[in-house]
All heavy atoms as atom14 arrays in JSON, in Angstrom:
{
  "sequence": "NIVSSSGEIFLDKYYDTGVIDEFAVAPKINRCRYE",
  "atom14_mask": [
    [1, 1, 1, 1, 1, 1, 1, 1, 0, 0, 0, 0, 0, 0],
    [1, 1, 1, 1, 1, 1, 1, 1, 0, 0, 0, 0, 0, 0],
    [1, 1, 1, 1, 1, 1, 1, 0, 0, 0, 0, 0, 0, 0],
    [1, 1, 1, 1, 1, 1, 0, 0, 0, 0, 0, 0, 0, 0],
    [1, 1, 1, 1, 1, 1, 0, 0, 0, 0, 0, 0, 0, 0],
    [1, 1, 1, 1, 1, 1, 0, 0, 0, 0, 0, 0, 0, 0],
    [1, 1, 1, 1, 0, 0, 0, 0, 0, 0, 0, 0, 0, 0],
    [1, 1, 1, 1, 1, 1, 1, 1, 1, 0, 0, 0, 0, 0],
    [1, 1, 1, 1, 1, 1, 1, 1, 0, 0, 0, 0, 0, 0],
    [1, 1, 1, 1, 1, 1, 1, 1, 1, 1, 1, 0, 0, 0],
    [1, 1, 1, 1, 1, 1, 1, 1, 0, 0, 0, 0, 0, 0],
    [1, 1, 1, 1, 1, 1, 1, 1, 0, 0, 0, 0, 0, 0],
    [1, 1, 1, 1, 1, 1, 1, 1, 1, 0, 0, 0, 0, 0],
    [1, 1, 1, 1, 1, 1, 1, 1, 1, 1, 1, 1, 0, 0],
    [1, 1, 1, 1, 1, 1, 1, 1, 1, 1, 1, 1, 0, 0],
    [1, 1, 1, 1, 1, 1, 1, 1, 0, 0, 0, 0, 0, 0],
    [1, 1, 1, 1, 1, 1, 1, 0, 0, 0, 0, 0, 0, 0],
    [1, 1, 1, 1, 0, 0, 0, 0, 0, 0, 0, 0, 0, 0],
    [1, 1, 1, 1, 1, 1, 1, 0, 0, 0, 0, 0, 0, 0],
    [1, 1, 1, 1, 1, 1, 1, 1, 0, 0, 0, 0, 0, 0],
    [1, 1, 1, 1, 1, 1, 1, 1, 0, 0, 0, 0, 0, 0],
    [1, 1, 1, 1, 1, 1, 1, 1, 1, 0, 0, 0, 0, 0],
    [1, 1, 1, 1, 1, 1, 1, 1, 1, 1, 1, 0, 0, 0],
    [1, 1, 1, 1, 1, 0, 0, 0, 0, 0, 0, 0, 0, 0],
    [1, 1, 1, 1, 1, 1, 1, 0, 0, 0, 0, 0, 0, 0],
    [1, 1, 1, 1, 1, 0, 0, 0, 0, 0, 0, 0, 0, 0],
    [1, 1, 1, 1, 1, 1, 1, 0, 0, 0, 0, 0, 0, 0],
    [1, 1, 1, 1, 1, 1, 1, 1, 1, 0, 0, 0, 0, 0],
    [1, 1, 1, 1, 1, 1, 1, 1, 0, 0, 0, 0, 0, 0],
    [1, 1, 1, 1, 1, 1, 1, 1, 0, 0, 0, 0, 0, 0],
    [1, 1, 1, 1, 1, 1, 1, 1, 1, 1, 1, 0, 0, 0],
    [1, 1, 1, 1, 1, 1, 0, 0, 0, 0, 0, 0, 0, 0],
    [1, 1, 1, 1, 1, 1, 1, 1, 1, 1, 1, 0, 0, 0],
    [1, 1, 1, 1, 1, 1, 1, 1, 1, 1, 1, 1, 0, 0],
    [1, 1, 1, 1, 1, 1, 1, 1, 1, 0, 0, 0, 0, 0]
  ],
  "atom14_positions": [
    [[-53.9, -32.53, 34.06], [-53.03, -33.61, 34.53], [-52.04, -34.1, 33.47], [-51.73, -35.27, 33.4], [-53.89, -34.79, 35.03], [-54.7, -34.44, 36.22], [-54.21, -33.78, 37.14], [-55.97, -34.83, 36.23], [0.0, 0.0, 0.0], [0.0, 0.0, 0.0], [0.0, 0.0, 0.0], [0.0, 0.0, 0.0], [0.0, 0.0, 0.0], [0.0, 0.0, 0.0]],
    [[-51.52, -33.15, 32.68], [-50.49, -33.48, 31.73], [-49.12, -33.28, 32.37], [-48.18, -34.01, 32.09], [-50.61, -32.59, 30.47], [-51.97, -32.91, 29.76], [-49.45, -32.73, 29.53], [-52.31, -31.98, 28.65], [0.0, 0.0, 0.0], [0.0, 0.0, 0.0], [0.0, 0.0, 0.0], [0.0, 0.0, 0.0], [0.0, 0.0, 0.0], [0.0, 0.0, 0.0]],
    [[-49.04, -32.3, 33.29], [-47.79, -32.0, 33.98], [-48.05, -31.99, 35.49], [-49.09, -31.47, 35.92], [-47.24, -30.61, 33.54], [-46.02, -30.24, 34.36], [-46.95, -30.61, 32.07], [0.0, 0.0, 0.0], [0.0, 0.0, 0.0], [0.0, 0.0, 0.0], [0.0, 0.0, 0.0], [0.0, 0.0, 0.0], [0.0, 0.0, 0.0], [0.0, 0.0, 0.0]],
    [[-47.14, -32.55, 36.23], [-47.27, -32.54, 37.71], [-46.58, -31.29, 38.23], [-45.85, -30.6, 37.51], [-46.63, -33.79, 38.32], [-45.22, -33.7, 38.22], [0.0, 0.0, 0.0], [0.0, 0.0, 0.0], [0.0, 0.0, 0.0], [0.0, 0.0, 0.0], [0.0, 0.0, 0.0], [0.0, 0.0, 0.0], [0.0, 0.0, 0.0], [0.0, 0.0, 0.0]],
    [[-46.78, -31.0, 39.5], [-46.14, -29.83, 40.08], [-44.62, -30.02, 40.22], [-43.91, -29.05, 40.43], [-46.77, -29.5, 41.47], [-46.59, -30.63, 42.32], [0.0, 0.0, 0.0], [0.0, 0.0, 0.0], [0.0, 0.0, 0.0], [0.0, 0.0, 0.0], [0.0, 0.0, 0.0], [0.0, 0.0, 0.0], [0.0, 0.0, 0.0], [0.0, 0.0, 0.0]],
    [[-44.17, -31.24, 40.06], [-42.71, -31.49, 40.08], [-42.13, -31.43, 38.67], [-40.93, -31.55, 38.48], [-42.4, -32.84, 40.71], [-42.96, -33.88, 39.93], [0.0, 0.0, 0.0], [0.0, 0.0, 0.0], [0.0, 0.0, 0.0], [0.0, 0.0, 0.0], [0.0, 0.0, 0.0], [0.0, 0.0, 0.0], [0.0, 0.0, 0.0], [0.0, 0.0, 0.0]],
    [[-42.96, -31.26, 37.65], [-42.48, -31.12, 36.27], [-42.53, -32.39, 35.46], [-42.11, -32.4, 34.31], [0.0, 0.0, 0.0], [0.0, 0.0, 0.0], [0.0, 0.0, 0.0], [0.0, 0.0, 0.0], [0.0, 0.0, 0.0], [0.0, 0.0, 0.0], [0.0, 0.0, 0.0], [0.0, 0.0, 0.0], [0.0, 0.0, 0.0], [0.0, 0.0, 0.0]],
    [[-43.05, -33.45, 36.03], [-43.16, -34.7, 35.26], [-44.31, -34.58, 34.26], [-45.32, -33.98, 34.55], [-43.41, -35.87, 36.18], [-42.26, -36.18, 37.12], [-42.59, -37.32, 38.03], [-42.64, -38.46, 37.55], [-42.81, -37.06, 39.23], [0.0, 0.0, 0.0], [0.0, 0.0, 0.0], [0.0, 0.0, 0.0], [0.0, 0.0, 0.0], [0.0, 0.0, 0.0]],
    [[-44.09, -35.16, 33.05], [-45.09, -35.13, 32.02], [-45.83, -36.47, 31.99], [-45.18, -37.51, 31.94], [-44.46, -34.84, 30.67], [-43.78, -33.44, 30.71], [-45.48, -34.89, 29.55], [-42.97, -33.1, 29.49], [0.0, 0.0, 0.0], [0.0, 0.0, 0.0], [0.0, 0.0, 0.0], [0.0, 0.0, 0.0], [0.0, 0.0, 0.0], [0.0, 0.0, 0.0]],
    [[-47.14, -36.44, 32.07], [-47.94, -37.63, 32.09], [-48.85, -37.64, 30.87], [-49.84, -36.95, 30.84], [-48.79, -37.72, 33.34], [-47.99, -37.76, 34.62], [-47.94, -36.67, 35.45], [-47.3, -38.9, 34.96], [-47.2, -36.72, 36.63], [-46.56, -38.96, 36.11], [-46.51, -37.87, 36.95], [0.0, 0.0, 0.0], [0.0, 0.0, 0.0], [0.0, 0.0, 0.0]],
    [[-48.52, -38.45, 29.9], [-49.37, -38.59, 28.71], [-49.93, -39.97, 28.56], [-50.48, -40.3, 27.52], [-48.55, -38.2, 27.46], [-48.1, -36.75, 27.38], [-47.25, -36.51, 26.16], [-49.29, -35.8, 27.38], [0.0, 0.0, 0.0], [0.0, 0.0, 0.0], [0.0, 0.0, 0.0], [0.0, 0.0, 0.0], [0.0, 0.0, 0.0], [0.0, 0.0, 0.0]],
    [[-49.8, -40.8, 29.6], [-50.23, -42.21, 29.5], [-51.7, -42.34, 29.07], [-52.02, -43.18, 28.24], [-50.01, -42.92, 30.82], [-48.53, -43.11, 31.12], [-47.73, -43.0, 30.18], [-48.2, -43.37, 32.29], [0.0, 0.0, 0.0], [0.0, 0.0, 0.0], [0.0, 0.0, 0.0], [0.0, 0.0, 0.0], [0.0, 0.0, 0.0], [0.0, 0.0, 0.0]],
    [[-52.55, -41.51, 29.63], [-53.98, -41.64, 29.28], [-54.22, -41.29, 27.78], [-55.12, -41.83, 27.17], [-54.87, -40.78, 30.21], [-54.64, -39.28, 30.08], [-55.53, -38.53, 31.09], [-55.26, -37.08, 31.07], [-56.02, -36.36, 32.08], [0.0, 0.0, 0.0], [0.0, 0.0, 0.0], [0.0, 0.0, 0.0], [0.0, 0.0, 0.0], [0.0, 0.0, 0.0]],
    [[-53.39, -40.41, 27.23], [-53.51, -40.07, 25.83], [-52.9, -41.18, 24.96], [-53.4, -41.46, 23.87], [-52.87, -38.74, 25.54], [-53.54, -37.6, 26.32], [-52.97, -37.12, 27.49], [-54.75, -37.09, 25.89], [-53.59, -36.1, 28.21], [-55.37, -36.07, 26.6], [-54.8, -35.6, 27.76], [-55.41, -34.59, 28.48], [0.0, 0.0, 0.0], [0.0, 0.0, 0.0]],
    [[-51.82, -41.78, 25.47], [-51.24, -42.9, 24.75], [-52.2, -44.1, 24.76], [-52.43, -44.73, 23.73], [-49.92, -43.36, 25.42], [-48.79, -42.36, 25.37], [-47.83, -42.34, 26.4], [-48.63, -41.46, 24.33], [-46.77, -41.45, 26.35], [-47.58, -40.55, 24.29], [-46.65, -40.56, 25.3], [-45.61, -39.69, 25.27], [0.0, 0.0, 0.0], [0.0, 0.0, 0.0]],
    [[-52.77, -44.37, 25.92], [-53.66, -45.54, 26.08], [-54.91, -45.42, 25.22], [-55.39, -46.44, 24.7], [-54.05, -45.73, 27.55], [-52.85, -46.09, 28.44], [-51.81, -46.51, 27.89], [-52.98, -45.95, 29.65], [0.0, 0.0, 0.0], [0.0, 0.0, 0.0], [0.0, 0.0, 0.0], [0.0, 0.0, 0.0], [0.0, 0.0, 0.0], [0.0, 0.0, 0.0]],
    [[-55.45, -44.24, 25.06], [-56.65, -44.06, 24.27], [-56.38, -43.88, 22.79], [-57.3, -43.87, 22.0], [-57.48, -42.84, 24.76], [-56.65, -41.67, 24.66], [-57.94, -43.05, 26.19], [0.0, 0.0, 0.0], [0.0, 0.0, 0.0], [0.0, 0.0, 0.0], [0.0, 0.0, 0.0], [0.0, 0.0, 0.0], [0.0, 0.0, 0.0], [0.0, 0.0, 0.0]],
    [[-55.11, -43.76, 22.45], [-54.75, -43.62, 21.03], [-54.82, -42.2, 20.51], [-54.62, -41.96, 19.32], [0.0, 0.0, 0.0], [0.0, 0.0, 0.0], [0.0, 0.0, 0.0], [0.0, 0.0, 0.0], [0.0, 0.0, 0.0], [0.0, 0.0, 0.0], [0.0, 0.0, 0.0], [0.0, 0.0, 0.0], [0.0, 0.0, 0.0], [0.0, 0.0, 0.0]],
    [[-55.11, -41.26, 21.39], [-55.16, -39.84, 20.97], [-53.76, -39.38, 20.49], [-53.66, -38.63, 19.52], [-55.66, -38.96, 22.11], [-55.58, -37.48, 21.76], [-57.08, -39.35, 22.46], [0.0, 0.0, 0.0], [0.0, 0.0, 0.0], [0.0, 0.0, 0.0], [0.0, 0.0, 0.0], [0.0, 0.0, 0.0], [0.0, 0.0, 0.0], [0.0, 0.0, 0.0]],
    [[-52.74, -39.87, 21.19], [-51.36, -39.53, 20.86], [-50.61, -40.83, 20.58], [-50.7, -41.78, 21.36], [-50.67, -38.76, 22.0], [-51.38, -37.45, 22.25], [-49.2, -38.53, 21.69], [-50.82, -36.67, 23.45], [0.0, 0.0, 0.0], [0.0, 0.0, 0.0], [0.0, 0.0, 0.0], [0.0, 0.0, 0.0], [0.0, 0.0, 0.0], [0.0, 0.0, 0.0]],
    [[-49.88, -40.85, 19.47], [-49.05, -42.01, 19.14], [-47.76, -41.96, 19.96], [-46.9, -41.1, 19.72], [-48.72, -42.0, 17.65], [-47.87, -43.18, 17.22], [-47.58, -44.06, 18.04], [-47.47, -43.2, 16.03], [0.0, 0.0, 0.0], [0.0, 0.0, 0.0], [0.0, 0.0, 0.0], [0.0, 0.0, 0.0], [0.0, 0.0, 0.0], [0.0, 0.0, 0.0]],
    [[-47.67, -42.82, 20.95], [-46.54, -42.82, 21.85], [-45.22, -42.95, 21.15], [-44.23, -42.27, 21.47], [-46.68, -43.94, 22.89], [-45.57, -44.0, 23.89], [-45.78, -45.07, 24.93], [-46.8, -45.81, 24.85], [-44.94, -45.16, 25.84], [0.0, 0.0, 0.0], [0.0, 0.0, 0.0], [0.0, 0.0, 0.0], [0.0, 0.0, 0.0], [0.0, 0.0, 0.0]],
    [[-45.13, -43.81, 20.11], [-43.87, -44.04, 19.43], [-43.42, -42.85, 18.61], [-42.24, -42.66, 18.36], [-43.95, -45.31, 18.56], [-44.2, -46.54, 19.39], [-45.43, -47.16, 19.38], [-43.21, -47.02, 20.22], [-45.68, -48.27, 20.16], [-43.43, -48.16, 21.02], [-44.67, -48.78, 20.99], [0.0, 0.0, 0.0], [0.0, 0.0, 0.0], [0.0, 0.0, 0.0]],
    [[-44.37, -42.0, 18.22], [-44.02, -40.79, 17.45], [-43.7, -39.64, 18.34], [-42.85, -38.81, 18.05], [-45.17, -40.45, 16.51], [0.0, 0.0, 0.0], [0.0, 0.0, 0.0], [0.0, 0.0, 0.0], [0.0, 0.0, 0.0], [0.0, 0.0, 0.0], [0.0, 0.0, 0.0], [0.0, 0.0, 0.0], [0.0, 0.0, 0.0], [0.0, 0.0, 0.0]],
    [[-44.4, -39.54, 19.49], [-44.29, -38.36, 20.34], [-43.26, -38.49, 21.43], [-42.55, -37.51, 21.75], [-45.68, -38.03, 20.97], [-45.58, -36.88, 21.96], [-46.67, -37.66, 19.85], [0.0, 0.0, 0.0], [0.0, 0.0, 0.0], [0.0, 0.0, 0.0], [0.0, 0.0, 0.0], [0.0, 0.0, 0.0], [0.0, 0.0, 0.0], [0.0, 0.0, 0.0]],
    [[-43.12, -39.65, 22.03], [-42.17, -39.81, 23.15], [-40.74, -39.38, 22.83], [-40.13, -38.66, 23.63], [-42.21, -41.27, 23.65], [0.0, 0.0, 0.0], [0.0, 0.0, 0.0], [0.0, 0.0, 0.0], [0.0, 0.0, 0.0], [0.0, 0.0, 0.0], [0.0, 0.0, 0.0], [0.0, 0.0, 0.0], [0.0, 0.0, 0.0], [0.0, 0.0, 0.0]],
    [[-40.19, -39.74, 21.68], [-38.84, -39.24, 21.37], [-38.75, -37.7, 21.24], [-37.75, -37.1, 21.62], [-38.5, -39.89, 20.02], [-39.42, -41.03, 19.88], [-40.64, -40.67, 20.63], [0.0, 0.0, 0.0], [0.0, 0.0, 0.0], [0.0, 0.0, 0.0], [0.0, 0.0, 0.0], [0.0, 0.0, 0.0], [0.0, 0.0, 0.0], [0.0, 0.0, 0.0]],
    [[-39.82, -37.12, 20.77], [-39.86, -35.65, 20.63], [-39.9, -34.98, 22.02], [-39.24, -33.99, 22.24], [-41.06, -35.23, 19.78], [-40.94, -35.65, 18.34], [-42.18, -35.33, 17.55], [-42.01, -35.88, 16.14], [-43.16, -35.71, 15.32], [0.0, 0.0, 0.0], [0.0, 0.0, 0.0], [0.0, 0.0, 0.0], [0.0, 0.0, 0.0], [0.0, 0.0, 0.0]],
    [[-40.68, -35.57, 22.91], [-40.74, -35.04, 24.29], [-39.39, -35.14, 24.94], [-38.92, -34.19, 25.57], [-41.8, -35.77, 25.13], [-43.2, -35.46, 24.62], [-41.66, -35.45, 26.59], [-44.29, -36.25, 25.29], [0.0, 0.0, 0.0], [0.0, 0.0, 0.0], [0.0, 0.0, 0.0], [0.0, 0.0, 0.0], [0.0, 0.0, 0.0], [0.0, 0.0, 0.0]],
    [[-38.75, -36.28, 24.76], [-37.41, -36.48, 25.35], [-36.39, -35.49, 24.8], [-35.58, -34.94, 25.53], [-36.92, -37.91, 25.16], [-37.72, -38.89, 26.01], [-38.27, -38.53, 27.05], [-37.8, -40.12, 25.57], [0.0, 0.0, 0.0], [0.0, 0.0, 0.0], [0.0, 0.0, 0.0], [0.0, 0.0, 0.0], [0.0, 0.0, 0.0], [0.0, 0.0, 0.0]],
    [[-36.45, -35.23, 23.49], [-35.54, -34.24, 22.89], [-35.83, -32.86, 23.45], [-34.89, -32.11, 23.78], [-35.68, -34.23, 21.37], [-34.61, -33.36, 20.7], [-34.92, -33.09, 19.23], [-36.06, -32.25, 19.02], [-36.12, -30.94, 19.31], [-35.1, -30.32, 19.86], [-37.21, -30.21, 19.07], [0.0, 0.0, 0.0], [0.0, 0.0, 0.0], [0.0, 0.0, 0.0]],
    [[-37.11, -32.51, 23.58], [-37.45, -31.18, 24.12], [-37.05, -31.05, 25.6], [-36.57, -29.99, 26.0], [-38.94, -30.94, 23.95], [-39.47, -30.78, 22.23], [0.0, 0.0, 0.0], [0.0, 0.0, 0.0], [0.0, 0.0, 0.0], [0.0, 0.0, 0.0], [0.0, 0.0, 0.0], [0.0, 0.0, 0.0], [0.0, 0.0, 0.0], [0.0, 0.0, 0.0]],
    [[-37.26, -32.1, 26.36], [-36.82, -32.07, 27.76], [-35.31, -31.84, 27.85], [-34.85, -31.03, 28.65], [-37.1, -33.41, 28.44], [-38.47, -33.58, 28.94], [-38.54, -34.9, 29.72], [-39.86, -35.23, 30.09], [-40.28, -36.44, 30.29], [-39.48, -37.46, 30.11], [-41.54, -36.66, 30.66], [0.0, 0.0, 0.0], [0.0, 0.0, 0.0], [0.0, 0.0, 0.0]],
    [[-34.58, -32.54, 26.98], [-33.14, -32.41, 27.0], [-32.72, -30.98, 26.6], [-31.83, -30.38, 27.19], [-32.5, -33.43, 26.05], [-30.97, -33.36, 26.07], [-30.27, -33.95, 27.09], [-30.3, -32.72, 25.04], [-28.88, -33.88, 27.13], [-28.93, -32.63, 25.07], [-28.22, -33.23, 26.12], [-26.85, -33.14, 26.14], [0.0, 0.0, 0.0], [0.0, 0.0, 0.0]],
    [[-33.37, -30.46, 25.58], [-33.04, -29.12, 25.13], [-33.19, -28.04, 26.19], [-32.41, -27.12, 26.28], [-33.9, -28.75, 23.89], [-33.59, -27.43, 23.28], [-34.41, -27.11, 22.05], [-34.98, -28.03, 21.46], [-34.49, -25.92, 21.71], [0.0, 0.0, 0.0], [0.0, 0.0, 0.0], [0.0, 0.0, 0.0], [0.0, 0.0, 0.0], [0.0, 0.0, 0.0]]
  ]
}
């Protein structure tokens, strides 16, 4: 459940639990999406 069938990326559960630092990763995801 990281990616939906429409291509949306869902990392909220990882952000909420602290596994992934949202402020560090979100800009990188956005740059990769744009690329």
